[in-house]
Amino acid sequence: MAAFSAPGMGQTSLPQNYQDQLAPVIAANCHAG
């Protein structure tokens, strides 16, 4: 996971439904370590 670098908020080009599904996952991963 170290190689994964999440773009800053507002810099993604994902459809809104993908953002809605991924947001809680990304948030969980950010706080996991």
N, C-alpha and C. Protein backbone atom coordinates (compact mmCIF):
# COMPACT_ATOMS: atom_id res chain seq x y z
N MET A 1 0.84 -1.21 0.00
CA MET A 1 0.00 0.00 0.00
C MET A 1 0.87 1.25 0.00
N ALA A 2 2.15 1.10 0.28
CA ALA A 2 3.02 2.26 0.39
C ALA A 2 3.16 3.01 -0.93
N ALA A 3 3.05 2.26 -2.04
CA ALA A 3 3.20 2.89 -3.35
C ALA A 3 1.95 3.64 -3.77
N PHE A 4 0.84 3.39 -3.09
CA PHE A 4 -0.41 4.05 -3.44
C PHE A 4 -0.44 5.46 -2.88
N SER A 5 -0.64 6.43 -3.76
CA SER A 5 -0.71 7.82 -3.33
C SER A 5 -2.05 8.40 -3.75
N ALA A 6 -2.92 8.63 -2.80
CA ALA A 6 -4.24 9.16 -3.11
C ALA A 6 -4.13 10.62 -3.54
N PRO A 7 -4.80 11.00 -4.61
CA PRO A 7 -4.80 12.41 -5.02
C PRO A 7 -5.53 13.27 -4.00
N GLY A 8 -5.24 14.55 -3.98
CA GLY A 8 -5.89 15.46 -3.06
C GLY A 8 -7.38 15.53 -3.34
N MET A 9 -8.14 15.97 -2.37
CA MET A 9 -9.58 16.10 -2.57
C MET A 9 -9.86 17.04 -3.74
N GLY A 10 -10.80 16.65 -4.59
CA GLY A 10 -11.16 17.49 -5.72
C GLY A 10 -10.28 17.28 -6.93
N GLN A 11 -9.31 16.36 -6.85
CA GLN A 11 -8.41 16.13 -7.98
C GLN A 11 -8.73 14.83 -8.71
N THR A 12 -9.73 14.10 -8.24
CA THR A 12 -10.09 12.85 -8.90
C THR A 12 -11.05 13.12 -10.05
N SER A 13 -11.07 12.21 -11.01
CA SER A 13 -11.98 12.33 -12.14
C SER A 13 -12.94 11.15 -12.17
N LEU A 14 -13.17 10.54 -11.01
CA LEU A 14 -14.08 9.41 -10.93
C LEU A 14 -15.52 9.89 -10.98
N PRO A 15 -16.41 9.05 -11.54
CA PRO A 15 -17.84 9.37 -11.49
C PRO A 15 -18.30 9.48 -10.03
N GLN A 16 -19.35 10.23 -9.80
CA GLN A 16 -19.81 10.48 -8.43
C GLN A 16 -20.17 9.19 -7.70
N ASN A 17 -20.75 8.22 -8.41
CA ASN A 17 -21.14 6.98 -7.73
C ASN A 17 -19.91 6.21 -7.25
N TYR A 18 -18.81 6.28 -8.01
CA TYR A 18 -17.57 5.65 -7.55
C TYR A 18 -17.02 6.38 -6.34
N GLN A 19 -17.06 7.69 -6.36
CA GLN A 19 -16.58 8.47 -5.21
C GLN A 19 -17.38 8.13 -3.97
N ASP A 20 -18.71 8.00 -4.13
CA ASP A 20 -19.56 7.69 -2.99
C ASP A 20 -19.21 6.34 -2.38
N GLN A 21 -18.87 5.38 -3.24
CA GLN A 21 -18.55 4.04 -2.75
C GLN A 21 -17.15 3.97 -2.17
N LEU A 22 -16.22 4.71 -2.75
CA LEU A 22 -14.82 4.62 -2.32
C LEU A 22 -14.48 5.50 -1.13
N ALA A 23 -15.23 6.57 -0.93
CA ALA A 23 -14.91 7.51 0.14
C ALA A 23 -14.76 6.83 1.51
N PRO A 24 -15.72 6.01 1.95
CA PRO A 24 -15.56 5.36 3.26
C PRO A 24 -14.39 4.39 3.30
N VAL A 25 -14.10 3.74 2.17
CA VAL A 25 -12.97 2.80 2.10
C VAL A 25 -11.66 3.56 2.23
N ILE A 26 -11.53 4.65 1.49
CA ILE A 26 -10.32 5.47 1.55
C ILE A 26 -10.14 6.05 2.95
N ALA A 27 -11.23 6.52 3.53
CA ALA A 27 -11.16 7.09 4.87
C ALA A 27 -10.71 6.03 5.88
N ALA A 28 -11.23 4.81 5.75
CA ALA A 28 -10.85 3.73 6.66
C ALA A 28 -9.37 3.40 6.50
N ASN A 29 -8.89 3.39 5.26
CA ASN A 29 -7.48 3.07 5.01
C ASN A 29 -6.57 4.17 5.54
N CYS A 30 -6.99 5.41 5.42
CA CYS A 30 -6.17 6.53 5.89
C CYS A 30 -6.00 6.48 7.40
N HIS A 31 -7.03 6.03 8.12
CA HIS A 31 -6.99 6.01 9.57
C HIS A 31 -6.50 4.67 10.12
N ALA A 32 -6.30 3.69 9.24
CA ALA A 32 -5.92 2.36 9.70
C ALA A 32 -4.48 2.33 10.21
N GLY A 33 -3.61 3.17 9.63
CA GLY A 33 -2.21 3.10 10.02
C GLY A 33 -1.80 4.34 10.74
